[in-house]
N, C-alpha and C. Protein backbone atom coordinates (compact mmCIF):
# COMPACT_ATOMS: atom_id res chain seq x y z
N UNK A 1 -33.72 70.59 29.63
CA UNK A 1 -34.47 69.38 28.52
C UNK A 1 -33.65 69.88 26.97
N UNK A 2 -33.63 68.54 26.03
CA UNK A 2 -32.63 68.97 24.73
C UNK A 2 -33.87 69.73 24.29
N UNK A 3 -33.81 71.13 23.79
CA UNK A 3 -34.84 71.46 22.15
C UNK A 3 -34.86 71.20 21.43
N UNK A 4 -33.90 70.41 20.78
CA UNK A 4 -34.09 70.44 19.45
C UNK A 4 -32.87 70.71 18.63
N UNK A 5 -31.97 69.91 16.96
CA UNK A 5 -31.06 70.93 16.41
C UNK A 5 -31.35 72.01 16.12
N UNK A 6 -30.65 72.42 15.71
CA UNK A 6 -31.09 74.17 15.15
C UNK A 6 -32.33 73.89 14.05
N UNK A 7 -31.58 73.20 13.41
CA UNK A 7 -32.81 72.97 12.04
C UNK A 7 -34.56 72.82 12.60
N UNK A 8 -34.63 72.15 13.59
CA UNK A 8 -36.00 71.24 14.37
C UNK A 8 -36.14 72.75 15.08
N UNK A 9 -35.05 73.55 15.66
CA UNK A 9 -35.66 74.93 16.42
C UNK A 9 -36.37 75.62 16.07
N UNK A 10 -35.70 75.73 14.37
CA UNK A 10 -35.81 76.51 13.70
C UNK A 10 -36.92 76.67 13.00
N UNK A 11 -37.63 75.97 12.32
CA UNK A 11 -38.55 75.19 11.29
C UNK A 11 -40.12 74.44 12.31
N UNK A 12 -39.65 74.80 14.03
CA UNK A 12 -40.89 74.82 15.31
C UNK A 12 -41.10 73.00 14.74
N UNK A 13 -40.07 71.96 14.64
CA UNK A 13 -40.88 70.11 14.14
C UNK A 13 -40.44 69.52 15.31
N UNK A 14 -40.28 70.08 16.09
CA UNK A 14 -39.63 69.35 17.53
C UNK A 14 -40.16 68.96 18.58
N UNK A 15 -41.15 68.61 19.55
CA UNK A 15 -41.95 68.77 20.98
C UNK A 15 -41.25 68.48 21.93
N UNK A 16 -39.93 68.92 22.60
CA UNK A 16 -39.51 68.29 23.42
C UNK A 16 -40.37 67.91 24.84
N UNK A 17 -41.52 68.27 24.92
CA UNK A 17 -42.74 68.12 26.05
C UNK A 17 -43.15 66.04 25.59
N UNK A 18 -42.61 66.09 24.61
CA UNK A 18 -43.59 64.20 24.80
C UNK A 18 -42.51 63.53 25.12
N UNK A 19 -41.28 64.00 25.09
CA UNK A 19 -39.95 62.49 26.05
C UNK A 19 -40.08 63.14 27.92
N UNK A 20 -39.85 62.24 28.19
CA UNK A 20 -39.73 62.05 29.58
C UNK A 20 -38.10 62.07 29.89
N UNK A 21 -37.03 61.89 29.20
CA UNK A 21 -35.98 62.79 29.67
C UNK A 21 -35.47 63.14 27.95
N UNK A 22 -34.13 63.66 29.04
CA UNK A 22 -33.17 64.57 27.46
C UNK A 22 -32.52 63.92 26.70
N UNK A 23 -32.30 62.80 27.36
CA UNK A 23 -32.04 61.30 26.39
C UNK A 23 -32.83 60.63 25.09
N UNK A 24 -34.24 60.77 25.82
CA UNK A 24 -35.15 59.58 24.96
C UNK A 24 -35.38 61.10 23.79
N UNK A 25 -34.80 62.00 24.51
CA UNK A 25 -35.37 63.42 23.19
C UNK A 25 -34.42 63.77 22.12
N UNK A 26 -32.38 63.15 22.19
CA UNK A 26 -32.07 63.31 21.88
C UNK A 26 -31.64 62.63 20.78
N UNK A 27 -32.19 60.86 20.92
CA UNK A 27 -32.69 60.22 20.22
C UNK A 27 -33.31 60.13 19.18
N UNK A 28 -34.92 60.91 19.40
CA UNK A 28 -35.89 61.18 18.54
C UNK A 28 -34.85 62.57 18.08
N UNK A 29 -34.41 62.78 17.71
CA UNK A 29 -33.83 64.31 17.13
C UNK A 29 -33.24 63.31 16.56
N UNK A 30 -31.95 62.50 16.71
CA UNK A 30 -31.23 62.29 15.55
C UNK A 30 -32.19 61.24 14.48
N UNK A 31 -32.96 60.64 15.16
CA UNK A 31 -33.88 59.79 14.23
C UNK A 31 -34.31 60.52 13.24
N UNK A 32 -34.98 61.89 13.64
CA UNK A 32 -35.86 62.75 12.62
C UNK A 32 -34.47 63.32 11.80
N UNK A 33 -33.57 63.68 12.11
CA UNK A 33 -32.52 64.25 11.11
C UNK A 33 -31.81 62.87 9.86
N UNK A 34 -32.11 61.04 10.65
CA UNK A 34 -31.62 60.57 9.50
C UNK A 34 -33.27 60.08 8.56
N UNK A 35 -34.01 60.52 8.57
CA UNK A 35 -34.87 60.26 8.39
C UNK A 35 -35.08 61.31 7.21
N UNK A 36 -34.71 61.99 7.19
CA UNK A 36 -34.70 62.86 6.87
C UNK A 36 -33.35 63.13 5.74
N UNK A 37 -33.01 62.52 6.25
CA UNK A 37 -31.65 62.53 5.00
C UNK A 37 -31.31 60.78 4.24
N UNK A 38 -32.76 60.32 5.14
CA UNK A 38 -33.35 58.85 3.80
C UNK A 38 -33.98 59.12 3.15
N UNK A 39 -35.01 59.66 3.24
CA UNK A 39 -36.23 60.57 2.62
C UNK A 39 -35.33 61.80 1.40
N UNK A 40 -34.82 62.20 1.60
CA UNK A 40 -33.83 63.08 0.29
C UNK A 40 -33.13 62.00 -0.53
N UNK A 41 -32.71 62.20 -2.16
CA UNK A 41 -31.66 62.28 -2.91
C UNK A 41 -30.58 62.90 -2.94
N UNK A 42 -30.17 62.18 -3.31
CA UNK A 42 -28.85 63.12 -3.48
C UNK A 42 -28.58 64.05 -4.59
N UNK A 43 -28.42 65.32 -4.04
CA UNK A 43 -28.79 65.95 -5.63
C UNK A 43 -29.68 66.68 -5.50
N UNK A 44 -30.79 66.51 -4.83
CA UNK A 44 -31.97 67.85 -4.73
C UNK A 44 -32.20 68.49 -3.26
N UNK A 45 -31.13 68.70 -3.10
CA UNK A 45 -30.98 69.69 -1.93
C UNK A 45 -30.24 70.67 -2.83
N UNK A 46 -30.84 71.79 -2.08
CA UNK A 46 -29.94 73.33 -3.02
C UNK A 46 -28.33 73.61 -2.50
N UNK A 47 -28.23 73.28 -1.16
CA UNK A 47 -27.37 73.48 -0.77
C UNK A 47 -26.01 72.71 -0.12
N UNK A 48 -26.38 71.20 -0.41
CA UNK A 48 -25.12 70.41 -0.24
C UNK A 48 -26.09 69.12 -1.47
N UNK A 49 -25.72 68.78 -2.60
CA UNK A 49 -24.93 68.57 -3.80
C UNK A 49 -24.59 67.21 -2.80
N UNK A 50 -24.87 66.80 -1.97
CA UNK A 50 -24.14 64.91 -1.97
C UNK A 50 -25.47 64.65 0.11
N UNK A 51 -25.89 65.80 0.00
CA UNK A 51 -27.05 65.37 0.81
C UNK A 51 -27.96 64.43 0.56
N UNK A 52 -28.11 63.30 1.11
CA UNK A 52 -29.45 62.01 1.09
C UNK A 52 -28.65 60.78 0.66
N UNK A 53 -29.46 60.33 0.16
CA UNK A 53 -29.31 58.89 -0.02
C UNK A 53 -28.67 58.81 -1.67
N UNK A 54 -28.16 57.77 -1.85
CA UNK A 54 -27.39 58.02 -4.00
C UNK A 54 -28.52 57.85 -4.18
N UNK A 55 -29.26 57.29 -5.67
CA UNK A 55 -29.61 57.17 -6.85
C UNK A 55 -30.21 55.38 -6.45
N UNK A 56 -31.19 55.17 -5.96
CA UNK A 56 -31.03 53.62 -5.43
C UNK A 56 -31.25 52.68 -6.89
N UNK A 57 -32.12 53.06 -7.91
CA UNK A 57 -32.25 53.19 -9.07
C UNK A 57 -31.06 53.24 -10.36
N UNK A 58 -30.58 53.45 -9.55
CA UNK A 58 -29.62 54.09 -11.00
C UNK A 58 -28.10 53.87 -10.56
N UNK A 59 -28.35 52.31 -9.51
CA UNK A 59 -27.41 51.32 -9.80
C UNK A 59 -26.71 50.44 -10.39
N UNK A 60 -25.35 50.58 -11.28
CA UNK A 60 -25.53 49.40 -12.19
C UNK A 60 -24.24 48.29 -11.92
N UNK A 61 -24.20 47.75 -10.58
CA UNK A 61 -23.27 46.78 -10.39
C UNK A 61 -23.77 45.63 -9.93
N UNK A 62 -22.89 44.76 -9.43
CA UNK A 62 -23.47 43.49 -8.45
C UNK A 62 -24.26 43.52 -7.40
N UNK A 63 -25.64 43.21 -6.52
CA UNK A 63 -25.28 43.19 -5.48
C UNK A 63 -24.72 43.31 -4.26
N UNK A 64 -23.64 42.40 -4.85
CA UNK A 64 -22.48 42.49 -3.20
C UNK A 64 -22.96 44.14 -3.28
N UNK A 65 -22.28 44.19 -4.81
CA UNK A 65 -21.18 45.45 -5.05
C UNK A 65 -22.08 46.99 -4.28
N UNK A 66 -23.58 46.71 -5.24
CA UNK A 66 -24.37 47.27 -4.98
C UNK A 66 -24.18 47.87 -3.10
N UNK A 67 -24.48 46.86 -2.52
CA UNK A 67 -25.10 47.24 -0.70
C UNK A 67 -23.08 47.86 -0.22
N UNK A 68 -22.53 47.10 -1.17
CA UNK A 68 -21.49 48.10 0.00
C UNK A 68 -20.99 49.23 -0.41
N UNK A 69 -21.61 49.59 -1.62
CA UNK A 69 -22.02 51.60 -2.24
C UNK A 69 -22.95 51.96 -1.26
N UNK A 70 -24.51 51.53 -0.82
CA UNK A 70 -25.03 51.45 0.03
C UNK A 70 -24.34 51.70 1.52
N UNK A 71 -23.96 51.31 2.02
CA UNK A 71 -23.67 51.01 2.85
C UNK A 71 -22.58 52.32 3.08
N UNK A 72 -21.03 52.58 1.97
CA UNK A 72 -20.72 53.47 2.19
C UNK A 72 -20.58 55.06 2.17
N UNK A 73 -21.85 54.74 0.97
CA UNK A 73 -22.62 56.29 0.88
C UNK A 73 -22.77 56.70 2.08
N UNK A 74 -24.53 55.91 2.30
CA UNK A 74 -24.74 56.49 4.00
C UNK A 74 -24.13 56.81 4.89
N UNK A 75 -22.71 56.10 5.32
CA UNK A 75 -21.65 56.18 6.24
C UNK A 75 -21.56 57.50 6.15
N UNK A 76 -20.94 57.92 5.33
CA UNK A 76 -20.04 58.99 4.63
C UNK A 76 -20.87 60.58 5.03
N UNK A 77 -22.68 59.85 4.28
CA UNK A 77 -23.45 60.43 4.37
C UNK A 77 -23.54 60.76 6.14
N UNK A 78 -23.98 60.64 7.06
CA UNK A 78 -24.39 60.49 8.27
C UNK A 78 -23.08 61.20 8.80
N UNK A 79 -22.19 61.01 8.75
CA UNK A 79 -21.13 61.20 8.93
C UNK A 79 -20.66 62.64 9.21
N UNK A 80 -21.13 63.27 8.03
CA UNK A 80 -21.16 64.69 7.47
C UNK A 80 -22.09 65.71 7.73
N UNK A 81 -23.23 64.71 7.66
CA UNK A 81 -25.10 65.99 8.75
C UNK A 81 -25.16 65.40 9.41
N UNK A 82 -24.69 64.60 9.94
CA UNK A 82 -25.53 64.20 11.21
C UNK A 82 -24.25 63.73 12.48
N UNK A 83 -23.68 64.87 12.94
CA UNK A 83 -22.09 65.28 14.15
C UNK A 83 -21.93 64.45 15.66
N UNK A 84 -23.82 64.83 15.84
CA UNK A 84 -23.67 64.41 17.04
C UNK A 84 -23.49 63.04 16.93
N UNK A 85 -23.31 62.17 16.05
CA UNK A 85 -22.82 60.39 15.60
C UNK A 85 -21.77 60.26 15.67
N UNK A 86 -20.73 59.00 16.05
CA UNK A 86 -19.21 59.36 15.59
C UNK A 86 -18.84 57.96 15.84
N UNK A 87 -17.88 57.46 15.00
CA UNK A 87 -17.75 56.35 14.98
C UNK A 87 -19.19 55.40 13.75
N UNK A 88 -19.57 55.85 13.37
CA UNK A 88 -20.68 55.15 12.59
C UNK A 88 -19.98 54.26 11.83
N UNK A 89 -21.15 53.33 11.83
CA UNK A 89 -21.04 52.33 10.28
C UNK A 89 -22.76 51.90 10.64
N UNK A 90 -22.84 51.71 9.34
CA UNK A 90 -24.51 50.72 8.50
C UNK A 90 -23.70 50.09 7.88
N UNK A 91 -25.45 48.71 7.83
CA UNK A 91 -24.81 47.94 7.39
C UNK A 91 -26.30 47.57 6.05
N UNK A 92 -26.52 46.90 5.70
CA UNK A 92 -28.36 46.85 5.07
C UNK A 92 -28.26 46.10 5.47
N UNK A 93 -29.64 45.08 5.59
CA UNK A 93 -30.07 43.48 6.01
C UNK A 93 -30.68 43.66 4.18
N UNK A 94 -30.35 42.00 4.43
CA UNK A 94 -29.88 41.26 2.17
C UNK A 94 -31.89 40.81 2.30
N UNK A 95 -32.52 41.53 3.60
CA UNK A 95 -33.88 40.02 3.64
C UNK A 95 -35.12 40.60 2.95
N UNK A 96 -35.27 42.07 3.19
CA UNK A 96 -36.75 42.11 1.85
C UNK A 96 -36.54 43.10 0.79
N UNK A 97 -35.13 43.04 0.04
CA UNK A 97 -34.57 43.80 -1.20
C UNK A 97 -35.58 43.26 -2.11
N UNK A 98 -36.08 42.18 -1.60
CA UNK A 98 -36.63 41.09 -3.24
C UNK A 98 -37.90 42.16 -3.27
N UNK A 99 -38.85 42.78 -2.13
CA UNK A 99 -39.90 43.56 -2.01
C UNK A 99 -40.00 44.72 -2.29
N UNK A 100 -38.35 45.23 -2.85
CA UNK A 100 -38.12 46.82 -3.13
C UNK A 100 -38.34 47.36 -1.17
N UNK A 101 -37.78 46.90 -0.42
CA UNK A 101 -38.18 47.00 0.97
C UNK A 101 -36.47 47.12 0.92
N UNK A 102 -35.85 48.62 1.96
CA UNK A 102 -34.49 47.87 2.37
C UNK A 102 -34.63 48.06 3.83
N UNK A 103 -33.77 47.57 4.92
CA UNK A 103 -34.09 47.74 6.45
C UNK A 103 -32.36 47.93 6.38
N UNK A 104 -31.82 49.18 6.69
CA UNK A 104 -30.74 49.89 7.36
C UNK A 104 -29.66 49.88 8.49
N UNK A 105 -29.05 49.38 9.42
CA UNK A 105 -28.93 49.11 10.94
C UNK A 105 -27.45 50.23 10.48
N UNK A 106 -27.84 51.86 11.78
CA UNK A 106 -26.68 52.76 11.77
C UNK A 106 -26.54 52.22 13.39
N UNK A 107 -25.08 51.78 13.17
CA UNK A 107 -24.86 51.91 14.17
C UNK A 107 -23.34 53.11 14.77
N UNK A 108 -23.18 53.45 15.68
CA UNK A 108 -22.09 54.55 16.70
C UNK A 108 -22.40 55.16 17.86
N UNK A 109 -21.89 56.13 18.11
CA UNK A 109 -21.56 56.06 19.79
C UNK A 109 -21.81 57.73 19.30
N UNK A 110 -22.70 58.00 20.44
CA UNK A 110 -22.94 59.41 21.05
C UNK A 110 -22.64 59.78 22.12
N UNK A 111 -22.55 61.35 22.54
CA UNK A 111 -22.14 61.33 24.03
C UNK A 111 -23.28 61.98 24.58
N UNK A 112 -23.22 61.74 25.90
CA UNK A 112 -25.07 61.78 26.80
C UNK A 112 -24.53 61.73 28.11
N UNK A 113 -24.10 63.48 28.59
CA UNK A 113 -24.31 63.45 30.02
C UNK A 113 -22.72 63.48 30.17
N UNK A 114 -22.22 63.86 28.82
CA UNK A 114 -20.54 64.02 29.41
C UNK A 114 -19.62 62.39 28.95
N UNK A 115 -20.65 61.18 28.85
CA UNK A 115 -19.97 59.98 28.54
C UNK A 115 -20.46 59.00 27.34
N UNK A 116 -19.81 58.56 26.48
CA UNK A 116 -19.94 58.28 24.89
C UNK A 116 -20.62 56.85 25.77
N UNK A 117 -21.37 56.88 24.48
CA UNK A 117 -22.76 56.22 24.79
C UNK A 117 -22.96 55.19 22.95
N UNK A 118 -22.64 53.69 22.95
CA UNK A 118 -22.59 53.26 22.36
C UNK A 118 -24.69 52.97 21.40
N UNK A 119 -25.13 53.48 20.72
CA UNK A 119 -26.40 53.44 19.96
C UNK A 119 -26.52 53.29 18.42
N UNK A 120 -27.60 52.66 18.40
CA UNK A 120 -28.63 52.13 17.45
C UNK A 120 -29.54 52.63 16.90
N UNK A 121 -30.14 53.06 15.12
CA UNK A 121 -30.56 53.01 15.06
C UNK A 121 -31.27 52.15 13.49
N UNK A 122 -31.88 52.07 13.51
CA UNK A 122 -33.04 51.13 12.27
C UNK A 122 -33.83 52.01 10.94
N UNK A 123 -33.29 52.17 9.69
CA UNK A 123 -34.19 52.80 8.88
C UNK A 123 -34.75 51.73 7.93
N UNK A 124 -35.98 51.92 7.79
CA UNK A 124 -37.17 51.45 7.05
C UNK A 124 -37.39 51.71 5.65
N UNK A 125 -36.34 51.94 4.62
CA UNK A 125 -36.62 52.46 3.47
C UNK A 125 -38.32 51.28 2.43
N UNK A 126 -39.81 51.37 3.13
CA UNK A 126 -40.52 51.16 2.09
C UNK A 126 -41.02 51.44 0.52
N UNK A 127 -41.53 50.40 -0.08
CA UNK A 127 -41.35 50.60 -1.32
C UNK A 127 -42.30 51.70 -1.72
N UNK A 128 -43.31 52.57 -0.72
CA UNK A 128 -44.39 53.22 -1.05
C UNK A 128 -43.54 54.60 -1.35
N UNK A 129 -41.53 54.75 -0.74
CA UNK A 129 -41.27 55.84 -0.58
C UNK A 129 -41.17 56.20 0.57
N UNK A 130 -41.98 55.99 2.05
CA UNK A 130 -42.15 56.01 3.29
C UNK A 130 -40.28 55.54 3.49
N UNK A 131 -40.21 56.89 4.62
CA UNK A 131 -39.16 55.89 5.92
C UNK A 131 -39.44 56.38 7.14
N UNK A 132 -39.13 55.14 7.86
CA UNK A 132 -39.57 55.37 9.15
C UNK A 132 -37.79 54.74 10.05
N UNK A 133 -37.54 55.65 10.77
CA UNK A 133 -36.72 55.62 10.69
C UNK A 133 -36.35 55.69 13.20
N UNK A 134 -36.06 54.63 13.49
CA UNK A 134 -36.25 55.19 15.02
C UNK A 134 -34.78 54.11 15.76
N UNK A 135 -34.81 54.61 17.23
CA UNK A 135 -34.13 53.46 17.84
C UNK A 135 -34.24 52.51 18.25
N UNK A 136 -33.19 51.82 18.18
CA UNK A 136 -33.06 49.58 18.11
C UNK A 136 -32.05 49.82 18.79
N UNK A 137 -32.60 49.67 20.26
CA UNK A 137 -31.86 48.36 21.58
C UNK A 137 -30.75 47.62 20.69
N UNK A 138 -30.60 48.26 21.86
CA UNK A 138 -28.76 47.16 21.33
C UNK A 138 -28.69 45.42 22.60
């Protein structure tokens, strides 16, 4: 059974007994890591200045350019800090932006049991500052 990432094992924050399969546990571990990335602001982690999302309050670009910047920055951050995903693509939904909420779609590939598998996650950045990341079935 999958036992979680190194961080999860060191912090005892992952219980593999909650999942029926190794694959489900792996998806949950990746969702946990993505949640930590989107819950952190770039520059706030002492060990890596580029860990986390960019400051969404200080983007002084057009809406289109701001969304493109968020997508590109998110892709780069995920590629660097979630290496289990590869060929990662990120898209921002334009639907809830006026309510100070953002939905980010993350697609990529993951090696499961020696085979490449396409996976999709959805990150909801809520106006109360909470982040919810879960697997989004394709």
